[in-house]
Amino acid sequence: MTTTDLYEIATSGDDDGTLHPIAQIWTPCADDAPDSGFIAHRGFHVTGIDNPTGDHLYPVAFLFLGKSAC
């Protein structure tokens, strides 16, 4: 079975050759969430993700950030 990657993580290397991701996921504080494009509701942060062409009426995916109830 052959699979395709859903997302490729871009990396950069340190002087010693250690690779680190360039992009990082962060959770905005509740006060800054709307300025960063997030909707904050009861400890969850939600935002829409578009693809590189950007010609869609709606987001192609959503990102939910928050604490697990488990």
PDB file of N, CA and C in Angstrom:
ATOM      1  N   MET A   1       0.837  -1.173   0.000  1.00  0.00           N
ATOM      2  CA  MET A   1       0.000   0.000   0.000  1.00  0.00           C
ATOM      3  C   MET A   1       0.888   1.243   0.000  1.00  0.00           C
ATOM      4  N   THR A   2       0.560   2.191  -0.825  1.00  0.00           N
ATOM      5  CA  THR A   2       1.288   3.450  -0.903  1.00  0.00           C
ATOM      6  C   THR A   2       0.409   4.567  -0.362  1.00  0.00           C
ATOM      7  N   THR A   3       0.988   5.389   0.489  1.00  0.00           N
ATOM      8  CA  THR A   3       0.241   6.519   1.035  1.00  0.00           C
ATOM      9  C   THR A   3       0.906   7.811   0.613  1.00  0.00           C
ATOM     10  N   THR A   4       0.143   8.878   0.643  1.00  0.00           N
ATOM     11  CA  THR A   4       0.691  10.202   0.366  1.00  0.00           C
ATOM     12  C   THR A   4       0.665  11.014   1.645  1.00  0.00           C
ATOM     13  N   ASP A   5       1.609  11.917   1.775  1.00  0.00           N
ATOM     14  CA  ASP A   5       1.668  12.770   2.957  1.00  0.00           C
ATOM     15  C   ASP A   5       0.533  13.777   2.934  1.00  0.00           C
ATOM     16  N   LEU A   6      -0.099  13.972   4.091  1.00  0.00           N
ATOM     17  CA  LEU A   6      -1.124  15.000   4.202  1.00  0.00           C
ATOM     18  C   LEU A   6      -0.495  16.374   4.393  1.00  0.00           C
ATOM     19  N   TYR A   7       0.653  16.405   5.049  1.00  0.00           N
ATOM     20  CA  TYR A   7       1.304  17.669   5.348  1.00  0.00           C
ATOM     21  C   TYR A   7       2.795  17.414   5.462  1.00  0.00           C
ATOM     22  N   GLU A   8       3.593  18.247   4.854  1.00  0.00           N
ATOM     23  CA  GLU A   8       5.041  18.127   4.963  1.00  0.00           C
ATOM     24  C   GLU A   8       5.540  19.217   5.893  1.00  0.00           C
ATOM     25  N   ILE A   9       6.311  18.832   6.884  1.00  0.00           N
ATOM     26  CA  ILE A   9       6.824  19.790   7.857  1.00  0.00           C
ATOM     27  C   ILE A   9       8.172  20.308   7.367  1.00  0.00           C
ATOM     28  N   ALA A  10       8.255  21.609   7.139  1.00  0.00           N
ATOM     29  CA  ALA A  10       9.512  22.233   6.726  1.00  0.00           C
ATOM     30  C   ALA A  10      10.422  22.350   7.944  1.00  0.00           C
ATOM     31  N   THR A  11      11.701  22.054   7.757  1.00  0.00           N
ATOM     32  CA  THR A  11      12.642  22.086   8.870  1.00  0.00           C
ATOM     33  C   THR A  11      13.833  22.970   8.541  1.00  0.00           C
ATOM     34  N   SER A  12      14.527  23.378   9.577  1.00  0.00           N
ATOM     35  CA  SER A  12      15.798  24.072   9.429  1.00  0.00           C
ATOM     36  C   SER A  12      16.796  23.374  10.345  1.00  0.00           C
ATOM     37  N   GLY A  13      18.073  23.467  10.009  1.00  0.00           N
ATOM     38  CA  GLY A  13      19.089  22.769  10.781  1.00  0.00           C
ATOM     39  C   GLY A  13      19.949  23.704  11.609  1.00  0.00           C
ATOM     40  N   ASP A  14      20.326  23.227  12.804  1.00  0.00           N
ATOM     41  CA  ASP A  14      21.273  23.950  13.651  1.00  0.00           C
ATOM     42  C   ASP A  14      22.691  23.702  13.147  1.00  0.00           C
ATOM     43  N   ASP A  15      23.663  24.365  13.769  1.00  0.00           N
ATOM     44  CA  ASP A  15      25.060  24.173  13.396  1.00  0.00           C
ATOM     45  C   ASP A  15      25.511  22.730  13.599  1.00  0.00           C
ATOM     46  N   ASP A  16      24.906  22.039  14.589  1.00  0.00           N
ATOM     47  CA  ASP A  16      25.290  20.650  14.856  1.00  0.00           C
ATOM     48  C   ASP A  16      24.492  19.647  14.021  1.00  0.00           C
ATOM     49  N   GLY A  17      23.621  20.142  13.109  1.00  0.00           N
ATOM     50  CA  GLY A  17      22.858  19.260  12.235  1.00  0.00           C
ATOM     51  C   GLY A  17      21.498  18.844  12.762  1.00  0.00           C
ATOM     52  N   THR A  18      21.132  19.302  13.961  1.00  0.00           N
ATOM     53  CA  THR A  18      19.828  18.966  14.531  1.00  0.00           C
ATOM     54  C   THR A  18      18.733  19.701  13.770  1.00  0.00           C
ATOM     55  N   LEU A  19      17.703  18.964  13.328  1.00  0.00           N
ATOM     56  CA  LEU A  19      16.600  19.565  12.586  1.00  0.00           C
ATOM     57  C   LEU A  19      15.483  20.000  13.528  1.00  0.00           C
ATOM     58  N   HIS A  20      14.908  21.157  13.263  1.00  0.00           N
ATOM     59  CA  HIS A  20      13.786  21.698  14.022  1.00  0.00           C
ATOM     60  C   HIS A  20      12.716  22.155  13.037  1.00  0.00           C
ATOM     61  N   PRO A  21      11.440  21.984  13.378  1.00  0.00           N
ATOM     62  CA  PRO A  21      10.385  22.473  12.481  1.00  0.00           C
ATOM     63  C   PRO A  21      10.406  23.995  12.390  1.00  0.00           C
ATOM     64  N   ILE A  22      10.151  24.508  11.191  1.00  0.00           N
ATOM     65  CA  ILE A  22      10.097  25.957  11.004  1.00  0.00           C
ATOM     66  C   ILE A  22       8.772  26.500  11.521  1.00  0.00           C
ATOM     67  N   ALA A  23       7.684  25.822  11.180  1.00  0.00           N
ATOM     68  CA  ALA A  23       6.353  26.253  11.620  1.00  0.00           C
ATOM     69  C   ALA A  23       6.062  25.687  13.004  1.00  0.00           C
ATOM     70  N   GLN A  24       5.357  26.456  13.800  1.00  0.00           N
ATOM     71  CA  GLN A  24       4.987  26.013  15.137  1.00  0.00           C
ATOM     72  C   GLN A  24       3.515  26.288  15.353  1.00  0.00           C
ATOM     73  N   ILE A  25       2.862  25.428  16.119  1.00  0.00           N
ATOM     74  CA  ILE A  25       1.468  25.659  16.496  1.00  0.00           C
ATOM     75  C   ILE A  25       1.462  26.270  17.885  1.00  0.00           C
ATOM     76  N   TRP A  26       0.738  27.333  18.049  1.00  0.00           N
ATOM     77  CA  TRP A  26       0.642  27.986  19.343  1.00  0.00           C
ATOM     78  C   TRP A  26      -0.815  28.284  19.621  1.00  0.00           C
ATOM     79  N   THR A  27      -1.139  28.444  20.875  1.00  0.00           N
ATOM     80  CA  THR A  27      -2.496  28.783  21.284  1.00  0.00           C
ATOM     81  C   THR A  27      -2.500  30.228  21.758  1.00  0.00           C
ATOM     82  N   PRO A  28      -3.259  31.094  21.122  1.00  0.00           N
ATOM     83  CA  PRO A  28      -3.303  32.488  21.569  1.00  0.00           C
ATOM     84  C   PRO A  28      -4.039  32.601  22.890  1.00  0.00           C
ATOM     85  N   CYS A  29      -3.714  33.636  23.665  1.00  0.00           N
ATOM     86  CA  CYS A  29      -4.489  33.868  24.883  1.00  0.00           C
ATOM     87  C   CYS A  29      -5.882  34.350  24.469  1.00  0.00           C
ATOM     88  N   ALA A  30      -6.848  34.194  25.344  1.00  0.00           N
ATOM     89  CA  ALA A  30      -8.250  34.480  25.001  1.00  0.00           C
ATOM     90  C   ALA A  30      -8.449  35.916  24.515  1.00  0.00           C
ATOM     91  N   ASP A  31      -7.717  36.865  25.086  1.00  0.00           N
ATOM     92  CA  ASP A  31      -7.886  38.267  24.694  1.00  0.00           C
ATOM     93  C   ASP A  31      -7.381  38.540  23.276  1.00  0.00           C
ATOM     94  N   ASP A  32      -6.345  37.816  22.851  1.00  0.00           N
ATOM     95  CA  ASP A  32      -5.748  38.036  21.533  1.00  0.00           C
ATOM     96  C   ASP A  32      -6.296  37.114  20.453  1.00  0.00           C
ATOM     97  N   ALA A  33      -7.158  36.174  20.808  1.00  0.00           N
ATOM     98  CA  ALA A  33      -7.650  35.177  19.845  1.00  0.00           C
ATOM     99  C   ALA A  33      -8.304  35.810  18.617  1.00  0.00           C
ATOM    100  N   PRO A  34      -9.240  36.745  18.757  1.00  0.00           N
ATOM    101  CA  PRO A  34      -9.872  37.329  17.560  1.00  0.00           C
ATOM    102  C   PRO A  34      -8.879  38.069  16.655  1.00  0.00           C
ATOM    103  N   ASP A  35      -7.889  38.729  17.242  1.00  0.00           N
ATOM    104  CA  ASP A  35      -6.889  39.438  16.439  1.00  0.00           C
ATOM    105  C   ASP A  35      -6.020  38.476  15.636  1.00  0.00           C
ATOM    106  N   SER A  36      -5.915  37.229  16.102  1.00  0.00           N
ATOM    107  CA  SER A  36      -5.109  36.211  15.428  1.00  0.00           C
ATOM    108  C   SER A  36      -5.933  35.321  14.508  1.00  0.00           C
ATOM    109  N   GLY A  37      -7.230  35.604  14.367  1.00  0.00           N
ATOM    110  CA  GLY A  37      -8.081  34.820  13.483  1.00  0.00           C
ATOM    111  C   GLY A  37      -8.744  33.630  14.141  1.00  0.00           C
ATOM    112  N   PHE A  38      -8.693  33.548  15.471  1.00  0.00           N
ATOM    113  CA  PHE A  38      -9.305  32.446  16.200  1.00  0.00           C
ATOM    114  C   PHE A  38     -10.620  32.879  16.826  1.00  0.00           C
ATOM    115  N   ILE A  39     -11.503  31.916  17.017  1.00  0.00           N
ATOM    116  CA  ILE A  39     -12.702  32.106  17.823  1.00  0.00           C
ATOM    117  C   ILE A  39     -12.433  31.394  19.137  1.00  0.00           C
ATOM    118  N   ALA A  40     -12.576  32.072  20.260  1.00  0.00           N
ATOM    119  CA  ALA A  40     -12.356  31.469  21.577  1.00  0.00           C
ATOM    120  C   ALA A  40     -13.702  31.220  22.232  1.00  0.00           C
ATOM    121  N   HIS A  41     -13.908  29.973  22.698  1.00  0.00           N
ATOM    122  CA  HIS A  41     -15.162  29.617  23.360  1.00  0.00           C
ATOM    123  C   HIS A  41     -14.892  28.542  24.406  1.00  0.00           C
ATOM    124  N   ARG A  42     -15.085  28.870  25.665  1.00  0.00           N
ATOM    125  CA  ARG A  42     -14.952  27.926  26.787  1.00  0.00           C
ATOM    126  C   ARG A  42     -13.630  27.159  26.776  1.00  0.00           C
ATOM    127  N   GLY A  43     -12.560  27.852  26.548  1.00  0.00           N
ATOM    128  CA  GLY A  43     -11.246  27.226  26.581  1.00  0.00           C
ATOM    129  C   GLY A  43     -10.791  26.591  25.280  1.00  0.00           C
ATOM    130  N   PHE A  44     -11.635  26.598  24.260  1.00  0.00           N
ATOM    131  CA  PHE A  44     -11.256  26.067  22.953  1.00  0.00           C
ATOM    132  C   PHE A  44     -10.991  27.225  22.001  1.00  0.00           C
ATOM    133  N   HIS A  45     -10.050  27.015  21.090  1.00  0.00           N
ATOM    134  CA  HIS A  45      -9.746  27.993  20.054  1.00  0.00           C
ATOM    135  C   HIS A  45      -9.957  27.316  18.705  1.00  0.00           C
ATOM    136  N   VAL A  46     -10.675  27.971  17.815  1.00  0.00           N
ATOM    137  CA  VAL A  46     -11.000  27.410  16.500  1.00  0.00           C
ATOM    138  C   VAL A  46     -10.621  28.428  15.429  1.00  0.00           C
ATOM    139  N   THR A  47     -10.013  27.946  14.344  1.00  0.00           N
ATOM    140  CA  THR A  47      -9.732  28.799  13.199  1.00  0.00           C
ATOM    141  C   THR A  47      -9.869  27.981  11.917  1.00  0.00           C
ATOM    142  N   GLY A  48     -10.133  28.644  10.823  1.00  0.00           N
ATOM    143  CA  GLY A  48     -10.220  27.981   9.524  1.00  0.00           C
ATOM    144  C   GLY A  48      -8.886  28.030   8.812  1.00  0.00           C
ATOM    145  N   ILE A  49      -8.626  27.013   8.003  1.00  0.00           N
ATOM    146  CA  ILE A  49      -7.384  26.929   7.238  1.00  0.00           C
ATOM    147  C   ILE A  49      -7.747  26.886   5.758  1.00  0.00           C
ATOM    148  N   ASP A  50      -7.091  27.721   4.969  1.00  0.00           N
ATOM    149  CA  ASP A  50      -7.328  27.744   3.528  1.00  0.00           C
ATOM    150  C   ASP A  50      -6.153  27.077   2.828  1.00  0.00           C
ATOM    151  N   ASN A  51      -6.326  26.741   1.573  1.00  0.00           N
ATOM    152  CA  ASN A  51      -5.206  26.164   0.828  1.00  0.00           C
ATOM    153  C   ASN A  51      -4.433  27.295   0.151  1.00  0.00           C
ATOM    154  N   PRO A  52      -3.269  27.005  -0.438  1.00  0.00           N
ATOM    155  CA  PRO A  52      -2.431  28.074  -1.001  1.00  0.00           C
ATOM    156  C   PRO A  52      -3.095  28.942  -2.065  1.00  0.00           C
ATOM    157  N   THR A  53      -4.066  28.413  -2.820  1.00  0.00           N
ATOM    158  CA  THR A  53      -4.683  29.235  -3.860  1.00  0.00           C
ATOM    159  C   THR A  53      -5.582  30.303  -3.260  1.00  0.00           C
ATOM    160  N   GLY A  54      -6.199  30.024  -2.122  1.00  0.00           N
ATOM    161  CA  GLY A  54      -6.999  31.019  -1.420  1.00  0.00           C
ATOM    162  C   GLY A  54      -8.254  31.462  -2.131  1.00  0.00           C
ATOM    163  N   ASP A  55      -8.746  30.693  -3.083  1.00  0.00           N
ATOM    164  CA  ASP A  55      -9.924  31.120  -3.833  1.00  0.00           C
ATOM    165  C   ASP A  55     -11.185  30.343  -3.431  1.00  0.00           C
ATOM    166  N   HIS A  56     -11.295  29.988  -2.164  1.00  0.00           N
ATOM    167  CA  HIS A  56     -12.457  29.254  -1.674  1.00  0.00           C
ATOM    168  C   HIS A  56     -13.375  30.177  -0.877  1.00  0.00           C
ATOM    169  N   LEU A  57     -14.659  29.903  -0.934  1.00  0.00           N
ATOM    170  CA  LEU A  57     -15.627  30.662  -0.154  1.00  0.00           C
ATOM    171  C   LEU A  57     -15.551  30.286   1.323  1.00  0.00           C
ATOM    172  N   TYR A  58     -15.246  29.017   1.599  1.00  0.00           N
ATOM    173  CA  TYR A  58     -15.168  28.509   2.971  1.00  0.00           C
ATOM    174  C   TYR A  58     -13.792  27.884   3.207  1.00  0.00           C
ATOM    175  N   PRO A  59     -13.365  27.755   4.470  1.00  0.00           N
ATOM    176  CA  PRO A  59     -12.086  27.090   4.754  1.00  0.00           C
ATOM    177  C   PRO A  59     -12.101  25.633   4.277  1.00  0.00           C
ATOM    178  N   VAL A  60     -10.935  25.117   3.923  1.00  0.00           N
ATOM    179  CA  VAL A  60     -10.829  23.719   3.504  1.00  0.00           C
ATOM    180  C   VAL A  60     -10.659  22.794   4.702  1.00  0.00           C
ATOM    181  N   ALA A  61     -10.311  23.359   5.871  1.00  0.00           N
ATOM    182  CA  ALA A  61     -10.150  22.573   7.097  1.00  0.00           C
ATOM    183  C   ALA A  61     -10.280  23.507   8.292  1.00  0.00           C
ATOM    184  N   PHE A  62     -10.450  22.918   9.455  1.00  0.00           N
ATOM    185  CA  PHE A  62     -10.513  23.685  10.694  1.00  0.00           C
ATOM    186  C   PHE A  62      -9.479  23.155  11.672  1.00  0.00           C
ATOM    187  N   LEU A  63      -8.939  24.043  12.486  1.00  0.00           N
ATOM    188  CA  LEU A  63      -7.986  23.678  13.521  1.00  0.00           C
ATOM    189  C   LEU A  63      -8.618  23.987  14.866  1.00  0.00           C
ATOM    190  N   PHE A  64      -8.717  22.968  15.719  1.00  0.00           N
ATOM    191  CA  PHE A  64      -9.265  23.120  17.063  1.00  0.00           C
ATOM    192  C   PHE A  64      -8.131  22.940  18.060  1.00  0.00           C
ATOM    193  N   LEU A  65      -7.950  23.889  18.948  1.00  0.00           N
ATOM    194  CA  LEU A  65      -6.948  23.799  19.999  1.00  0.00           C
ATOM    195  C   LEU A  65      -7.645  23.920  21.345  1.00  0.00           C
ATOM    196  N   GLY A  66      -7.228  23.137  22.310  1.00  0.00           N
ATOM    197  CA  GLY A  66      -7.807  23.219  23.644  1.00  0.00           C
ATOM    198  C   GLY A  66      -7.372  22.054  24.497  1.00  0.00           C
ATOM    199  N   LYS A  67      -7.803  22.062  25.736  1.00  0.00           N
ATOM    200  CA  LYS A  67      -7.464  20.997  26.674  1.00  0.00           C
ATOM    201  C   LYS A  67      -8.429  19.840  26.526  1.00  0.00           C
ATOM    202  N   SER A  68      -7.910  18.645  26.681  1.00  0.00           N
ATOM    203  CA  SER A  68      -8.734  17.438  26.623  1.00  0.00           C
ATOM    204  C   SER A  68      -9.458  17.240  27.952  1.00  0.00           C
ATOM    205  N   ALA A  69     -10.649  16.700  27.884  1.00  0.00           N
ATOM    206  CA  ALA A  69     -11.416  16.423  29.099  1.00  0.00           C
ATOM    207  C   ALA A  69     -11.028  15.082  29.707  1.00  0.00           C
ATOM    208  N   CYS A  70     -10.135  14.345  29.060  1.00  0.00           N
ATOM    209  CA  CYS A  70      -9.740  13.017  29.554  1.00  0.00           C
ATOM    210  C   CYS A  70      -8.731  13.118  30.671  1.00  0.00           C
TER     211      CYS A  70
END
